[in-house]
Structure formats: C-alpha cells, structure tokens
Amino acid sequence: MRYEKGRKDTSRRRIIDVAVERFRTDGIAGSGLATIMKDAGLTNGAFYPHFPSKADLVRETLSDALSKQAVWLREVLNEGGLDRMVDLYLSPEHRDNPGLGCASAALLPELARQPEETRGMYAEQSRTLVLQLAEALPADVEAKEDVACAIFATLIGTLQLARAVDNETSGRILQSGRDAIRVLSGRPHTPASST
C-alpha cells in the first residue's frame, strides 16, 4: 500500500510532539514507547521506520525542543528584554506546566545518563541559549558568557526547586530566583513581594 507524499513526515512530527510532552511530564524512563505511539495515534510497529531506538527519539525530541526554545528566547528577549524573559520563565504558569515548558528543567537529571551523542548535542544547543542570554545583558557587564551561564543555571535550578515544593514555598523560590538574576546581570537588587 502506498501512502500520500508527506505522510511519513507528518507521522514523525506527531511522534516527536507527543514524545517531548511525555518526556517532560513523565520523564524519559517513565515514558514507554507503547504509550507514546498510542498517544500519537500510531501502532508500535510504526515507530522503527522513523527512529532506530528510543535513544534516537530522545536525542531528536530534545534537539527539536531546544531549537524551539531558542526561537522563543530570541523573540521574548527582542520584545521585552531580559526582565520579561525571566518573569515568563520563572512564573507559576511555567512551573505548573512542565509538559509544555523548558526541556532542560524537566529532563536534566535524566540527560546526564543519556549516551554521549545526546549529551554532546545538548551541550551545543544549550550554549546557543547561553549566548542569546549573553547578548541581552547590559553593555557594562564583564565576562558576559560566564554571567549568562550562571543565569541559565539559576533559571533551570530555580524552576526545578519551585516544582518540588508547596505553592507558598514555591512562590518564594521563584521570586528569589528573579532577584538573584537581577544581581547576576548587574542591576540593582530591589526585592519584590512573593508570587
């Protein structure tokens, strides 16, 4: 049976979209291929024409998610600057929706156990995000890439901590992260009320 042109690409895209949300929500180890394929509306046998293994699916979904995050980051930084990006990233909405949010915050503990090829791809693409943050820093900030790396780590760590505790504590953690990033970026520290 022959299928119309583009059907394989459409199926592949559907698998990637379902997998990345599953991985962010349930973790890589907690997301079985059978569930991913069922959620994508495909049979288990349809997986292998697209991906040789689950490790390949993980690498491709992560790469896709990071590419989309780079586009989002560029748009938000261009429209609202660093403060706007930090407010969106360290928001209760982002905290409460890991399936739709930052792949780094959702998956870093598991990424450390992925094959070297996946970790290498992650290092390369996360550096792109760090360089975007560096460009958004005030002109007088020295060692911009180092500062941007610290901001990147603060964003991810703050979100991970905020997801692990009750909402009241979480709000304080999110605000502390926003305050810490203001200090890192060389702007006056003006504590705000908890979210």
C-alpha atoms as a PDB file:
ATOM      1  CA  MET A   1       0.000   0.000   0.000  1.00  0.00           C
ATOM      2  CA  ARG A   2       1.397   3.403  -0.974  1.00  0.00           C
ATOM      3  CA  TYR A   3       0.776   6.454   1.177  1.00  0.00           C
ATOM      4  CA  GLU A   4       0.468  10.040   0.056  1.00  0.00           C
ATOM      5  CA  LYS A   5       3.630  12.111  -0.017  1.00  0.00           C
ATOM      6  CA  GLY A   6       4.415  13.716   3.319  1.00  0.00           C
ATOM      7  CA  ARG A   7       2.573  11.166   5.437  1.00  0.00           C
ATOM      8  CA  LYS A   8       5.817   9.766   6.888  1.00  0.00           C
ATOM      9  CA  ASP A   9       6.970  13.286   7.790  1.00  0.00           C
ATOM     10  CA  THR A  10       3.600  14.000   9.410  1.00  0.00           C
ATOM     11  CA  SER A  11       3.764  10.783  11.448  1.00  0.00           C
ATOM     12  CA  ARG A  12       7.347  11.517  12.510  1.00  0.00           C
ATOM     13  CA  ARG A  13       6.368  15.028  13.606  1.00  0.00           C
ATOM     14  CA  ARG A  14       3.439  13.635  15.606  1.00  0.00           C
ATOM     15  CA  ILE A  15       5.720  11.125  17.368  1.00  0.00           C
ATOM     16  CA  ILE A  16       8.215  13.892  18.265  1.00  0.00           C
ATOM     17  CA  ASP A  17       5.488  16.227  19.552  1.00  0.00           C
ATOM     18  CA  VAL A  18       3.892  13.531  21.710  1.00  0.00           C
ATOM     19  CA  ALA A  19       7.247  12.215  22.949  1.00  0.00           C
ATOM     20  CA  VAL A  20       8.613  15.573  24.071  1.00  0.00           C
ATOM     21  CA  GLU A  21       5.485  16.324  26.104  1.00  0.00           C
ATOM     22  CA  ARG A  22       5.556  12.825  27.623  1.00  0.00           C
ATOM     23  CA  PHE A  23       9.276  13.070  28.430  1.00  0.00           C
ATOM     24  CA  ARG A  24       8.799  16.467  30.093  1.00  0.00           C
ATOM     25  CA  THR A  25       5.807  15.252  32.103  1.00  0.00           C
ATOM     26  CA  ASP A  26       6.681  11.653  32.975  1.00  0.00           C
ATOM     27  CA  GLY A  27      10.438  11.614  32.429  1.00  0.00           C
ATOM     28  CA  ILE A  28      12.386   9.677  29.833  1.00  0.00           C
ATOM     29  CA  ALA A  29      12.491   6.429  31.821  1.00  0.00           C
ATOM     30  CA  GLY A  30       8.798   6.764  32.710  1.00  0.00           C
ATOM     31  CA  SER A  31       7.690   7.162  29.095  1.00  0.00           C
ATOM     32  CA  GLY A  32       7.293   3.875  27.275  1.00  0.00           C
ATOM     33  CA  LEU A  33       7.300   3.656  23.502  1.00  0.00           C
ATOM     34  CA  ALA A  34       3.919   1.893  23.503  1.00  0.00           C
ATOM     35  CA  THR A  35       2.290   4.831  25.305  1.00  0.00           C
ATOM     36  CA  ILE A  36       3.982   7.403  23.075  1.00  0.00           C
ATOM     37  CA  MET A  37       2.854   5.600  19.937  1.00  0.00           C
ATOM     38  CA  LYS A  38      -0.685   5.148  21.251  1.00  0.00           C
ATOM     39  CA  ASP A  39      -0.887   8.857  22.126  1.00  0.00           C
ATOM     40  CA  ALA A  40       0.400   9.657  18.625  1.00  0.00           C
ATOM     41  CA  GLY A  41      -2.388   7.518  17.156  1.00  0.00           C
ATOM     42  CA  LEU A  42       0.058   5.025  15.642  1.00  0.00           C
ATOM     43  CA  THR A  43       0.904   1.373  16.135  1.00  0.00           C
ATOM     44  CA  ASN A  44       4.061   0.207  17.918  1.00  0.00           C
ATOM     45  CA  GLY A  45       5.402  -1.170  14.643  1.00  0.00           C
ATOM     46  CA  ALA A  46       5.238   2.298  13.105  1.00  0.00           C
ATOM     47  CA  PHE A  47       7.988   3.525  15.438  1.00  0.00           C
ATOM     48  CA  TYR A  48      11.011   1.845  13.864  1.00  0.00           C
ATOM     49  CA  PRO A  49      10.709   3.251  10.333  1.00  0.00           C
ATOM     50  CA  HIS A  50      11.160   6.670  11.990  1.00  0.00           C
ATOM     51  CA  PHE A  51      13.700   6.020  14.763  1.00  0.00           C
ATOM     52  CA  PRO A  52      16.200   3.177  15.252  1.00  0.00           C
ATOM     53  CA  SER A  53      15.819   3.301  19.059  1.00  0.00           C
ATOM     54  CA  LYS A  54      14.328   5.184  21.972  1.00  0.00           C
ATOM     55  CA  ALA A  55      17.727   6.867  22.494  1.00  0.00           C
ATOM     56  CA  ASP A  56      17.468   8.317  18.972  1.00  0.00           C
ATOM     57  CA  LEU A  57      13.949   9.544  19.716  1.00  0.00           C
ATOM     58  CA  VAL A  58      15.168  11.195  22.924  1.00  0.00           C
ATOM     59  CA  ARG A  59      18.007  12.959  21.096  1.00  0.00           C
ATOM     60  CA  GLU A  60      15.763  14.190  18.276  1.00  0.00           C
ATOM     61  CA  THR A  61      12.945  15.346  20.546  1.00  0.00           C
ATOM     62  CA  LEU A  62      15.381  17.164  22.821  1.00  0.00           C
ATOM     63  CA  SER A  63      17.091  18.813  19.850  1.00  0.00           C
ATOM     64  CA  ASP A  64      13.711  19.903  18.500  1.00  0.00           C
ATOM     65  CA  ALA A  65      12.621  21.267  21.894  1.00  0.00           C
ATOM     66  CA  LEU A  66      15.862  23.224  22.339  1.00  0.00           C
ATOM     67  CA  SER A  67      15.606  24.685  18.829  1.00  0.00           C
ATOM     68  CA  LYS A  68      12.077  25.868  19.589  1.00  0.00           C
ATOM     69  CA  GLN A  69      13.250  27.274  22.917  1.00  0.00           C
ATOM     70  CA  ALA A  70      15.979  29.256  21.130  1.00  0.00           C
ATOM     71  CA  VAL A  71      13.332  30.803  18.845  1.00  0.00           C
ATOM     72  CA  TRP A  72      11.119  31.612  21.853  1.00  0.00           C
ATOM     73  CA  LEU A  73      14.051  33.090  23.760  1.00  0.00           C
ATOM     74  CA  ARG A  74      15.111  35.305  20.855  1.00  0.00           C
ATOM     75  CA  GLU A  75      11.538  36.585  20.383  1.00  0.00           C
ATOM     76  CA  VAL A  76      10.966  37.318  24.081  1.00  0.00           C
ATOM     77  CA  LEU A  77      14.361  38.990  24.531  1.00  0.00           C
ATOM     78  CA  ASN A  78      13.779  41.138  21.431  1.00  0.00           C
ATOM     79  CA  GLU A  79      10.285  42.160  22.519  1.00  0.00           C
ATOM     80  CA  GLY A  80      10.662  42.531  26.287  1.00  0.00           C
ATOM     81  CA  GLY A  81      14.290  42.101  27.267  1.00  0.00           C
ATOM     82  CA  LEU A  82      15.827  40.013  29.997  1.00  0.00           C
ATOM     83  CA  ASP A  83      13.341  41.021  32.715  1.00  0.00           C
ATOM     84  CA  ARG A  84      10.373  39.881  30.621  1.00  0.00           C
ATOM     85  CA  MET A  85      12.029  36.576  29.790  1.00  0.00           C
ATOM     86  CA  VAL A  86      12.876  35.914  33.445  1.00  0.00           C
ATOM     87  CA  ASP A  87       9.317  36.774  34.516  1.00  0.00           C
ATOM     88  CA  LEU A  88       7.861  34.342  31.968  1.00  0.00           C
ATOM     89  CA  TYR A  89      10.340  31.560  32.697  1.00  0.00           C
ATOM     90  CA  LEU A  90      10.057  31.844  36.495  1.00  0.00           C
ATOM     91  CA  SER A  91       6.278  32.134  36.514  1.00  0.00           C
ATOM     92  CA  PRO A  92       3.710  29.950  38.274  1.00  0.00           C
ATOM     93  CA  GLU A  93       2.289  29.065  34.828  1.00  0.00           C
ATOM     94  CA  HIS A  94       5.622  27.658  33.651  1.00  0.00           C
ATOM     95  CA  ARG A  95       6.152  25.890  36.970  1.00  0.00           C
ATOM     96  CA  ASP A  96       2.732  24.238  36.743  1.00  0.00           C
ATOM     97  CA  ASN A  97       3.032  23.060  33.117  1.00  0.00           C
ATOM     98  CA  PRO A  98       6.228  21.027  32.749  1.00  0.00           C
ATOM     99  CA  GLY A  99       4.833  19.161  29.735  1.00  0.00           C
ATOM    100  CA  LEU A 100       4.816  22.403  27.764  1.00  0.00           C
ATOM    101  CA  GLY A 101       7.834  24.104  29.291  1.00  0.00           C
ATOM    102  CA  CYS A 102      11.604  24.051  29.319  1.00  0.00           C
ATOM    103  CA  ALA A 103      13.037  20.646  28.437  1.00  0.00           C
ATOM    104  CA  SER A 104      16.186  21.380  30.443  1.00  0.00           C
ATOM    105  CA  ALA A 105      14.302  21.960  33.685  1.00  0.00           C
ATOM    106  CA  ALA A 106      12.231  18.828  33.149  1.00  0.00           C
ATOM    107  CA  LEU A 107      14.928  16.451  31.951  1.00  0.00           C
ATOM    108  CA  LEU A 108      18.421  17.405  33.173  1.00  0.00           C
ATOM    109  CA  PRO A 109      18.786  14.655  35.791  1.00  0.00           C
ATOM    110  CA  GLU A 110      17.990  12.036  33.145  1.00  0.00           C
ATOM    111  CA  LEU A 111      20.099  13.678  30.438  1.00  0.00           C
ATOM    112  CA  ALA A 112      23.219  13.026  32.473  1.00  0.00           C
ATOM    113  CA  ARG A 113      22.561   9.303  31.904  1.00  0.00           C
ATOM    114  CA  GLN A 114      21.967   9.562  28.143  1.00  0.00           C
ATOM    115  CA  PRO A 115      24.508   8.474  25.501  1.00  0.00           C
ATOM    116  CA  GLU A 116      27.453  10.766  24.784  1.00  0.00           C
ATOM    117  CA  GLU A 117      25.968  11.821  21.434  1.00  0.00           C
ATOM    118  CA  THR A 118      22.844  13.143  23.165  1.00  0.00           C
ATOM    119  CA  ARG A 119      24.848  14.931  25.876  1.00  0.00           C
ATOM    120  CA  GLY A 120      27.081  16.500  23.219  1.00  0.00           C
ATOM    121  CA  MET A 121      24.076  17.752  21.271  1.00  0.00           C
ATOM    122  CA  TYR A 122      22.611  19.152  24.497  1.00  0.00           C
ATOM    123  CA  ALA A 123      25.857  20.952  25.351  1.00  0.00           C
ATOM    124  CA  GLU A 124      25.994  22.537  21.899  1.00  0.00           C
ATOM    125  CA  GLN A 125      22.375  23.649  21.827  1.00  0.00           C
ATOM    126  CA  SER A 126      22.310  24.874  25.423  1.00  0.00           C
ATOM    127  CA  ARG A 127      25.367  27.010  24.635  1.00  0.00           C
ATOM    128  CA  THR A 128      23.274  28.691  21.924  1.00  0.00           C
ATOM    129  CA  LEU A 129      20.754  29.635  24.622  1.00  0.00           C
ATOM    130  CA  VAL A 130      23.536  30.929  26.887  1.00  0.00           C
ATOM    131  CA  LEU A 131      24.928  33.087  24.065  1.00  0.00           C
ATOM    132  CA  GLN A 132      21.469  34.545  23.466  1.00  0.00           C
ATOM    133  CA  LEU A 133      21.274  35.465  27.148  1.00  0.00           C
ATOM    134  CA  ALA A 134      24.769  36.981  26.970  1.00  0.00           C
ATOM    135  CA  GLU A 135      23.678  39.280  24.136  1.00  0.00           C
ATOM    136  CA  ALA A 136      20.765  40.512  26.265  1.00  0.00           C
ATOM    137  CA  LEU A 137      22.965  41.580  29.189  1.00  0.00           C
ATOM    138  CA  PRO A 138      23.722  45.267  29.809  1.00  0.00           C
ATOM    139  CA  ALA A 139      26.765  46.577  27.926  1.00  0.00           C
ATOM    140  CA  ASP A 140      28.813  47.146  31.095  1.00  0.00           C
ATOM    141  CA  VAL A 141      28.618  43.503  32.264  1.00  0.00           C
ATOM    142  CA  GLU A 142      32.041  41.858  32.105  1.00  0.00           C
ATOM    143  CA  ALA A 143      32.539  38.185  31.185  1.00  0.00           C
ATOM    144  CA  LYS A 144      29.085  38.119  29.604  1.00  0.00           C
ATOM    145  CA  GLU A 145      29.144  34.447  28.632  1.00  0.00           C
ATOM    146  CA  ASP A 146      30.091  33.413  32.181  1.00  0.00           C
ATOM    147  CA  VAL A 147      27.341  35.582  33.653  1.00  0.00           C
ATOM    148  CA  ALA A 148      24.845  34.247  31.114  1.00  0.00           C
ATOM    149  CA  CYS A 149      25.828  30.687  32.021  1.00  0.00           C
ATOM    150  CA  ALA A 150      25.159  31.469  35.693  1.00  0.00           C
ATOM    151  CA  ILE A 151      21.786  32.985  34.757  1.00  0.00           C
ATOM    152  CA  PHE A 152      20.905  29.917  32.669  1.00  0.00           C
ATOM    153  CA  ALA A 153      21.767  27.625  35.580  1.00  0.00           C
ATOM    154  CA  THR A 154      19.816  29.825  38.015  1.00  0.00           C
ATOM    155  CA  LEU A 155      16.731  29.749  35.785  1.00  0.00           C
ATOM    156  CA  ILE A 156      16.753  25.971  35.497  1.00  0.00           C
ATOM    157  CA  GLY A 157      17.612  25.253  39.126  1.00  0.00           C
ATOM    158  CA  THR A 158      15.041  27.720  40.423  1.00  0.00           C
ATOM    159  CA  LEU A 159      12.291  26.178  38.312  1.00  0.00           C
ATOM    160  CA  GLN A 160      13.251  22.655  39.382  1.00  0.00           C
ATOM    161  CA  LEU A 161      13.183  23.629  43.070  1.00  0.00           C
ATOM    162  CA  ALA A 162       9.897  25.508  42.664  1.00  0.00           C
ATOM    163  CA  ARG A 163       8.300  22.395  41.186  1.00  0.00           C
ATOM    164  CA  ALA A 164       9.371  20.237  44.131  1.00  0.00           C
ATOM    165  CA  VAL A 165       7.658  22.122  46.973  1.00  0.00           C
ATOM    166  CA  ASP A 166       4.290  23.521  48.035  1.00  0.00           C
ATOM    167  CA  ASN A 167       2.931  26.632  46.284  1.00  0.00           C
ATOM    168  CA  GLU A 168       3.738  29.089  49.069  1.00  0.00           C
ATOM    169  CA  THR A 169       7.376  28.000  49.282  1.00  0.00           C
ATOM    170  CA  SER A 170       7.472  27.750  45.506  1.00  0.00           C
ATOM    171  CA  GLY A 171       6.418  31.385  45.116  1.00  0.00           C
ATOM    172  CA  ARG A 172       9.275  32.487  47.375  1.00  0.00           C
ATOM    173  CA  ILE A 173      11.734  30.360  45.403  1.00  0.00           C
ATOM    174  CA  LEU A 174      10.576  31.834  42.090  1.00  0.00           C
ATOM    175  CA  GLN A 175      10.934  35.369  43.451  1.00  0.00           C
ATOM    176  CA  SER A 176      14.371  34.605  44.914  1.00  0.00           C
ATOM    177  CA  GLY A 177      15.468  33.328  41.502  1.00  0.00           C
ATOM    178  CA  ARG A 178      14.239  36.515  39.817  1.00  0.00           C
ATOM    179  CA  ASP A 179      16.094  38.615  42.415  1.00  0.00           C
ATOM    180  CA  ALA A 180      19.290  36.579  42.017  1.00  0.00           C
ATOM    181  CA  ILE A 181      19.227  37.059  38.245  1.00  0.00           C
ATOM    182  CA  ARG A 182      18.883  40.815  38.682  1.00  0.00           C
ATOM    183  CA  VAL A 183      22.042  40.761  40.806  1.00  0.00           C
ATOM    184  CA  LEU A 184      23.885  38.481  38.366  1.00  0.00           C
ATOM    185  CA  SER A 185      23.008  40.770  35.476  1.00  0.00           C
ATOM    186  CA  GLY A 186      24.416  43.793  37.291  1.00  0.00           C
ATOM    187  CA  ARG A 187      21.146  45.555  38.000  1.00  0.00           C
ATOM    188  CA  PRO A 188      20.119  46.948  41.378  1.00  0.00           C
ATOM    189  CA  HIS A 189      18.575  44.422  43.709  1.00  0.00           C
ATOM    190  CA  THR A 190      15.038  45.500  44.531  1.00  0.00           C
ATOM    191  CA  PRO A 191      13.220  42.682  46.325  1.00  0.00           C
ATOM    192  CA  ALA A 192       9.605  42.291  45.305  1.00  0.00           C
ATOM    193  CA  SER A 193       6.790  40.532  47.076  1.00  0.00           C
ATOM    194  CA  SER A 194       6.371  36.782  46.677  1.00  0.00           C
ATOM    195  CA  THR A 195       4.279  35.492  43.805  1.00  0.00           C
END
